[in-house]
N, C-alpha and C. Protein backbone atom coordinates (compact mmCIF):
# COMPACT_ATOMS: atom_id res chain seq x y z
N MET A 1 179.16 133.33 90.39
CA MET A 1 178.73 133.54 88.38
C MET A 1 177.97 133.22 89.42
N ARG A 2 177.08 134.13 87.94
CA ARG A 2 175.55 134.46 88.71
C ARG A 2 175.01 133.57 86.51
N LEU A 3 173.71 132.67 87.23
CA LEU A 3 173.94 132.55 86.03
C LEU A 3 172.38 133.26 85.42
N ARG A 4 172.40 133.77 84.02
CA ARG A 4 171.39 134.24 83.21
C ARG A 4 170.23 132.95 82.78
N ARG A 5 169.15 134.02 82.70
CA ARG A 5 167.79 133.50 82.25
C ARG A 5 168.11 133.54 81.12
N VAL A 6 167.62 132.75 80.12
CA VAL A 6 167.57 132.52 77.92
C VAL A 6 165.76 132.50 78.22
N PRO A 7 165.61 133.75 77.41
CA PRO A 7 164.63 133.53 77.08
C PRO A 7 164.19 132.23 76.29
N ALA A 8 162.40 131.91 76.42
CA ALA A 8 161.82 131.07 75.65
C ALA A 8 161.73 131.07 73.91
N CYS A 9 162.25 130.08 73.36
CA CYS A 9 161.52 130.31 72.10
C CYS A 9 160.22 130.43 72.02
N LYS A 10 160.41 131.82 70.70
CA LYS A 10 158.78 131.81 70.21
C LYS A 10 158.36 130.85 70.05
N ASP A 11 159.04 130.15 69.10
CA ASP A 11 158.00 128.98 67.94
C ASP A 11 158.44 127.61 68.91
N SER A 12 157.05 127.16 69.69
CA SER A 12 157.20 126.19 70.50
C SER A 12 156.30 125.10 70.41
N ARG A 13 155.58 125.17 69.40
CA ARG A 13 154.88 123.93 68.02
C ARG A 13 155.34 122.42 68.80
N PRO A 14 154.00 122.47 68.90
CA PRO A 14 154.74 120.68 69.20
C PRO A 14 155.49 119.79 68.34
N LEU A 15 156.49 119.19 68.14
CA LEU A 15 157.05 118.23 66.42
C LEU A 15 155.86 117.11 66.74
N SER A 16 155.60 117.07 65.46
CA SER A 16 154.59 116.34 64.35
C SER A 16 155.58 115.12 64.63
N PRO A 17 153.52 113.97 64.54
CA PRO A 17 154.65 112.30 64.55
C PRO A 17 155.01 111.76 63.88
N PHE A 18 155.31 112.22 62.78
CA PHE A 18 156.40 111.75 61.77
C PHE A 18 157.39 111.80 62.06
N LEU A 19 158.09 113.37 62.24
CA LEU A 19 159.28 113.86 62.92
C LEU A 19 160.01 112.98 64.24
N LEU A 20 158.72 112.97 65.12
CA LEU A 20 159.40 112.19 66.06
C LEU A 20 159.09 110.86 65.41
N ALA A 21 159.45 110.13 65.11
CA ALA A 21 158.67 108.35 64.80
C ALA A 21 160.33 108.42 63.78
N GLN A 22 160.79 109.90 62.99
CA GLN A 22 161.93 109.33 62.37
C GLN A 22 163.32 109.73 62.96
N GLY A 23 163.02 110.82 64.43
CA GLY A 23 163.93 111.45 65.31
C GLY A 23 164.43 109.86 65.80
N ASN A 24 163.23 109.07 65.95
CA ASN A 24 163.39 107.27 66.39
C ASN A 24 164.19 106.02 66.18
N ILE A 25 163.63 106.60 64.30
CA ILE A 25 164.03 105.41 63.61
C ILE A 25 165.86 106.02 63.32
N ASN A 26 166.10 107.06 63.34
CA ASN A 26 167.19 107.78 63.38
C ASN A 26 168.25 107.16 64.41
N MET A 27 168.11 107.93 65.49
CA MET A 27 168.44 106.65 66.59
C MET A 27 168.63 105.58 66.80
N ARG A 28 167.71 104.94 66.25
CA ARG A 28 168.22 103.12 66.27
C ARG A 28 168.96 102.96 65.12
N ILE A 29 168.59 103.87 64.57
CA ILE A 29 170.13 103.64 63.36
C ILE A 29 170.91 103.55 63.20
N GLN A 30 171.37 104.32 64.29
CA GLN A 30 172.80 104.68 64.66
C GLN A 30 173.23 104.25 66.16
N LYS A 31 172.08 103.35 67.28
CA LYS A 31 172.27 102.69 67.93
C LYS A 31 172.65 101.15 67.73
N GLU A 32 172.64 100.93 65.60
CA GLU A 32 172.49 98.88 65.36
C GLU A 32 173.47 99.50 65.15
N ASN A 33 174.63 100.38 63.56
CA ASN A 33 175.43 100.69 63.51
C ASN A 33 176.39 101.30 64.32
N LYS A 34 176.66 101.42 65.22
CA LYS A 34 177.62 101.69 66.44
C LYS A 34 178.66 101.82 66.22
N LEU A 35 180.24 101.88 66.13
CA LEU A 35 181.09 101.89 65.41
C LEU A 35 182.27 102.00 66.63
N TYR A 36 183.38 101.35 66.84
CA TYR A 36 184.58 101.57 67.64
C TYR A 36 185.47 101.59 66.58
N ARG A 37 186.88 102.68 66.97
CA ARG A 37 187.38 103.06 66.73
C ARG A 37 189.08 103.01 67.18
N SER A 38 190.21 102.63 66.38
CA SER A 38 191.31 102.54 67.66
C SER A 38 192.00 102.16 66.48
N SER A 39 193.18 103.04 66.85
CA SER A 39 194.67 103.08 66.26
C SER A 39 195.44 101.97 67.05
N SER A 40 195.07 101.18 67.66
CA SER A 40 195.90 100.76 68.11
C SER A 40 196.33 99.05 67.46
N PHE A 41 197.03 98.57 66.93
CA PHE A 41 197.21 97.35 65.65
C PHE A 41 197.12 96.50 67.00
N TYR A 42 197.40 95.35 67.65
CA TYR A 42 197.33 94.40 68.41
C TYR A 42 196.17 94.60 69.01
N ALA A 43 196.02 95.54 69.50
CA ALA A 43 194.09 95.49 70.87
C ALA A 43 193.03 95.60 69.72
N VAL A 44 193.31 96.03 68.63
CA VAL A 44 192.49 95.67 67.19
C VAL A 44 192.48 94.23 66.70
N ALA A 45 193.91 93.87 66.98
CA ALA A 45 193.95 92.26 66.28
C ALA A 45 192.95 91.14 67.06
N PHE A 46 192.84 91.65 68.51
CA PHE A 46 192.90 90.74 69.78
C PHE A 46 190.77 90.94 69.60
N LEU A 47 190.60 92.16 69.22
CA LEU A 47 189.27 92.09 69.35
C LEU A 47 188.16 91.38 68.09
N ILE A 48 189.22 91.53 67.41
CA ILE A 48 188.88 90.49 66.08
C ILE A 48 188.79 89.37 65.68
N LEU A 49 189.54 88.88 67.22
CA LEU A 49 190.02 87.69 67.27
C LEU A 49 189.13 87.12 68.58
N HIS A 50 188.35 87.83 69.24
CA HIS A 50 187.33 87.55 69.40
C HIS A 50 185.70 87.70 69.64
N GLY A 51 185.36 88.26 68.09
CA GLY A 51 184.48 88.01 67.45
C GLY A 51 184.04 90.06 66.60
N LEU A 52 184.70 91.17 67.38
CA LEU A 52 184.68 91.84 66.62
C LEU A 52 185.16 91.71 64.56
N GLU A 53 183.89 92.38 63.94
CA GLU A 53 184.04 92.47 62.56
C GLU A 53 184.33 93.06 62.44
N LEU A 54 186.18 94.28 61.49
CA LEU A 54 186.98 94.72 60.64
C LEU A 54 185.64 95.59 59.50
N VAL A 55 185.46 97.11 59.06
CA VAL A 55 185.02 97.65 58.74
C VAL A 55 185.30 97.96 58.12
N GLY A 56 186.79 99.07 58.31
CA GLY A 56 187.66 99.40 57.57
C GLY A 56 188.81 100.13 57.53
N VAL A 57 189.44 100.65 57.17
CA VAL A 57 190.60 101.37 57.72
C VAL A 57 190.48 103.32 57.61
N GLU A 58 190.58 103.97 58.24
CA GLU A 58 190.22 105.77 57.83
C GLU A 58 192.63 106.19 58.50
N SER A 59 191.90 107.10 57.44
CA SER A 59 194.03 107.47 58.07
C SER A 59 193.65 108.74 59.34
N SER A 60 193.97 108.91 59.94
CA SER A 60 193.91 110.28 60.84
C SER A 60 194.39 111.60 60.16
N PRO A 61 193.05 112.10 60.46
CA PRO A 61 193.52 113.88 60.37
C PRO A 61 194.44 113.79 61.13
N ASP A 62 195.01 113.92 62.12
CA ASP A 62 195.98 114.65 62.09
C ASP A 62 197.86 114.31 62.97
N SER A 63 197.51 112.96 62.22
CA SER A 63 198.42 111.82 62.61
C SER A 63 198.64 110.94 61.07
N HIS A 64 199.56 110.70 60.88
CA HIS A 64 200.22 109.63 60.26
C HIS A 64 200.14 108.65 60.76
N ARG A 65 199.48 108.28 61.56
CA ARG A 65 198.45 106.67 61.91
C ARG A 65 197.07 107.08 60.75
N SER A 66 196.83 105.07 60.87
CA SER A 66 195.55 104.65 60.42
C SER A 66 195.65 104.28 61.46
N VAL A 67 193.37 104.50 61.13
CA VAL A 67 192.33 104.31 62.50
C VAL A 67 191.34 103.11 62.19
N PHE A 68 192.23 101.64 62.66
CA PHE A 68 190.61 100.73 61.96
C PHE A 68 188.90 101.46 62.56
N VAL A 69 188.08 100.93 62.19
CA VAL A 69 186.91 100.38 62.07
C VAL A 69 185.90 99.16 62.30
N LEU A 70 185.81 99.05 63.17
CA LEU A 70 185.33 97.48 63.96
C LEU A 70 183.67 98.10 64.32
N LYS A 71 183.44 97.12 63.36
CA LYS A 71 181.82 97.10 64.04
C LYS A 71 181.80 97.23 66.03
N ASP A 72 181.03 98.04 66.54
CA ASP A 72 181.01 97.59 67.76
C ASP A 72 180.37 96.53 68.86
N SER A 73 181.13 96.36 69.68
CA SER A 73 179.75 94.77 70.32
C SER A 73 179.91 96.10 71.92
N PRO A 74 178.67 94.75 72.76
CA PRO A 74 179.06 95.45 73.60
C PRO A 74 179.94 95.26 75.21
N ASP A 75 180.45 93.52 73.95
CA ASP A 75 181.44 93.29 74.60
C ASP A 75 182.65 93.50 74.74
N ARG A 76 182.89 95.01 74.20
CA ARG A 76 184.34 95.74 73.76
C ARG A 76 184.89 95.84 75.10
N GLN A 77 184.95 96.85 75.69
CA GLN A 77 185.30 97.08 77.34
C GLN A 77 185.29 96.02 77.80
N LYS A 78 184.61 94.44 77.94
CA LYS A 78 185.40 93.58 79.20
C LYS A 78 186.38 92.88 78.11
N LEU A 79 186.14 93.37 76.92
CA LEU A 79 187.48 92.79 76.02
C LEU A 79 188.86 93.38 76.64
N LEU A 80 188.28 94.84 76.09
CA LEU A 80 190.60 95.32 75.83
C LEU A 80 189.86 95.54 76.83
N GLN A 81 189.17 95.02 78.50
CA GLN A 81 189.76 94.99 79.44
C GLN A 81 190.79 93.99 80.38
N VAL A 82 190.36 92.88 79.26
CA VAL A 82 191.49 91.67 79.65
C VAL A 82 192.34 92.09 78.70
N PHE A 83 192.36 92.84 77.81
CA PHE A 83 194.35 92.85 76.74
C PHE A 83 194.74 93.57 77.70
N ASN A 84 194.50 94.02 78.40
CA ASN A 84 195.22 95.79 78.98
C ASN A 84 195.69 94.78 80.39
N PHE A 85 194.58 94.64 81.04
CA PHE A 85 194.53 93.84 83.10
C PHE A 85 195.03 92.63 82.95
N ALA A 86 194.54 91.58 82.29
CA ALA A 86 194.57 90.04 82.63
C ALA A 86 195.92 89.71 82.48
N GLU A 87 196.03 88.07 83.52
CA GLU A 87 197.60 88.13 84.08
C GLU A 87 197.79 87.37 83.31
N GLU A 88 199.00 87.06 82.42
CA GLU A 88 199.89 86.55 81.23
C GLU A 88 199.04 85.16 80.91
N SER A 89 198.47 84.44 81.73
CA SER A 89 198.16 82.82 82.21
C SER A 89 196.77 82.29 82.19
N SER A 90 195.89 83.90 82.10
CA SER A 90 194.55 84.16 81.85
C SER A 90 193.76 83.65 80.70
N PRO A 91 192.81 82.83 81.09
CA PRO A 91 192.27 81.48 79.37
C PRO A 91 191.64 82.29 78.85
N ASP A 92 191.06 84.04 79.32
CA ASP A 92 190.71 84.86 78.06
C ASP A 92 191.54 85.67 77.04
N LEU A 93 192.94 85.20 77.12
CA LEU A 93 193.87 85.40 76.75
C LEU A 93 194.19 84.93 75.64
N LEU A 94 194.24 83.83 75.87
CA LEU A 94 194.45 81.95 75.11
C LEU A 94 193.79 82.34 73.88
N VAL A 95 194.30 82.33 72.48
CA VAL A 95 193.71 82.14 70.67
C VAL A 95 195.15 81.14 69.91
N ASP A 96 193.89 81.09 69.72
CA ASP A 96 195.36 79.59 68.65
C ASP A 96 196.06 80.87 67.89
N PHE A 97 196.93 80.57 67.83
CA PHE A 97 197.80 80.99 67.64
C PHE A 97 198.00 81.62 65.34
N ARG A 98 197.77 80.41 64.35
CA ARG A 98 197.11 79.89 63.58
C ARG A 98 196.44 81.46 62.84
N ARG A 99 195.77 81.44 64.42
CA ARG A 99 194.84 83.15 63.69
C ARG A 99 194.94 84.04 63.43
N VAL A 100 195.80 83.89 64.26
CA VAL A 100 196.27 85.73 64.96
C VAL A 100 197.30 85.30 63.77
N ILE A 101 197.92 84.90 62.98
CA ILE A 101 198.64 84.80 62.20
C ILE A 101 198.01 85.74 61.41
N SER A 102 197.10 84.93 60.93
CA SER A 102 195.74 84.74 59.08
C SER A 102 195.56 86.89 59.83
N VAL A 103 194.68 86.91 60.96
CA VAL A 103 194.46 88.68 60.81
C VAL A 103 195.14 89.13 61.70
N VAL A 104 196.65 89.33 61.67
CA VAL A 104 197.70 90.25 61.35
C VAL A 104 197.92 90.90 60.15
N LYS A 105 198.44 89.34 59.44
CA LYS A 105 197.95 89.66 57.82
C LYS A 105 196.59 90.13 57.16
N ASN A 106 195.97 89.91 57.32
CA ASN A 106 194.68 90.84 56.94
C ASN A 106 194.51 91.99 57.30
N LEU A 107 195.10 92.46 58.46
CA LEU A 107 195.24 93.98 58.68
C LEU A 107 196.29 94.06 58.11
N LYS A 108 197.20 93.95 57.93
CA LYS A 108 198.36 94.71 57.71
C LYS A 108 198.24 95.50 56.11
N GLU A 109 197.14 93.81 55.25
CA GLU A 109 196.79 94.18 53.44
C GLU A 109 195.83 95.32 54.06
N LYS A 110 195.31 94.99 54.64
CA LYS A 110 194.24 96.53 54.63
C LYS A 110 194.43 97.97 54.71
N LEU A 111 195.49 97.88 56.08
CA LEU A 111 196.72 99.64 55.77
C LEU A 111 197.45 99.38 54.79
N TYR A 112 198.21 99.07 54.12
CA TYR A 112 198.63 99.06 52.94
C TYR A 112 197.76 99.22 51.81
N GLN A 113 196.13 99.30 51.69
CA GLN A 113 195.28 99.01 50.76
C GLN A 113 195.27 101.12 51.09
N GLU A 114 194.48 100.76 52.50
CA GLU A 114 194.59 102.67 52.63
C GLU A 114 195.95 103.45 52.54
N LYS A 115 196.65 102.79 52.76
CA LYS A 115 197.80 103.78 52.16
C LYS A 115 198.20 104.00 51.31
N VAL A 116 197.76 102.86 49.44
CA VAL A 116 197.44 103.37 48.63
C VAL A 116 197.02 104.70 46.97
């Protein structure tokens, strides 16, 4: 397969410092406000129990499931790895069960509010 050459843009003026600064600000805001979405109820409960913050609940456009929206964390991938693959007796999995009950009740309340 042969690649064809794309002609250069005729308007190749450099961007103004203002536009460059705006782009950097927007990128920084997006990085600071990263969100994580999941429809896995118990994985979300586990993440909340380990410090992630629930931002909201959205309805999924392609199914009847709801999607939980969490404020993302650098630890999220590690926590999900622990949730999915850690040994049953791993200290990383252990949590106060009273907190589990509270988080599950809160998530169910959010689900029912979203469906009404």
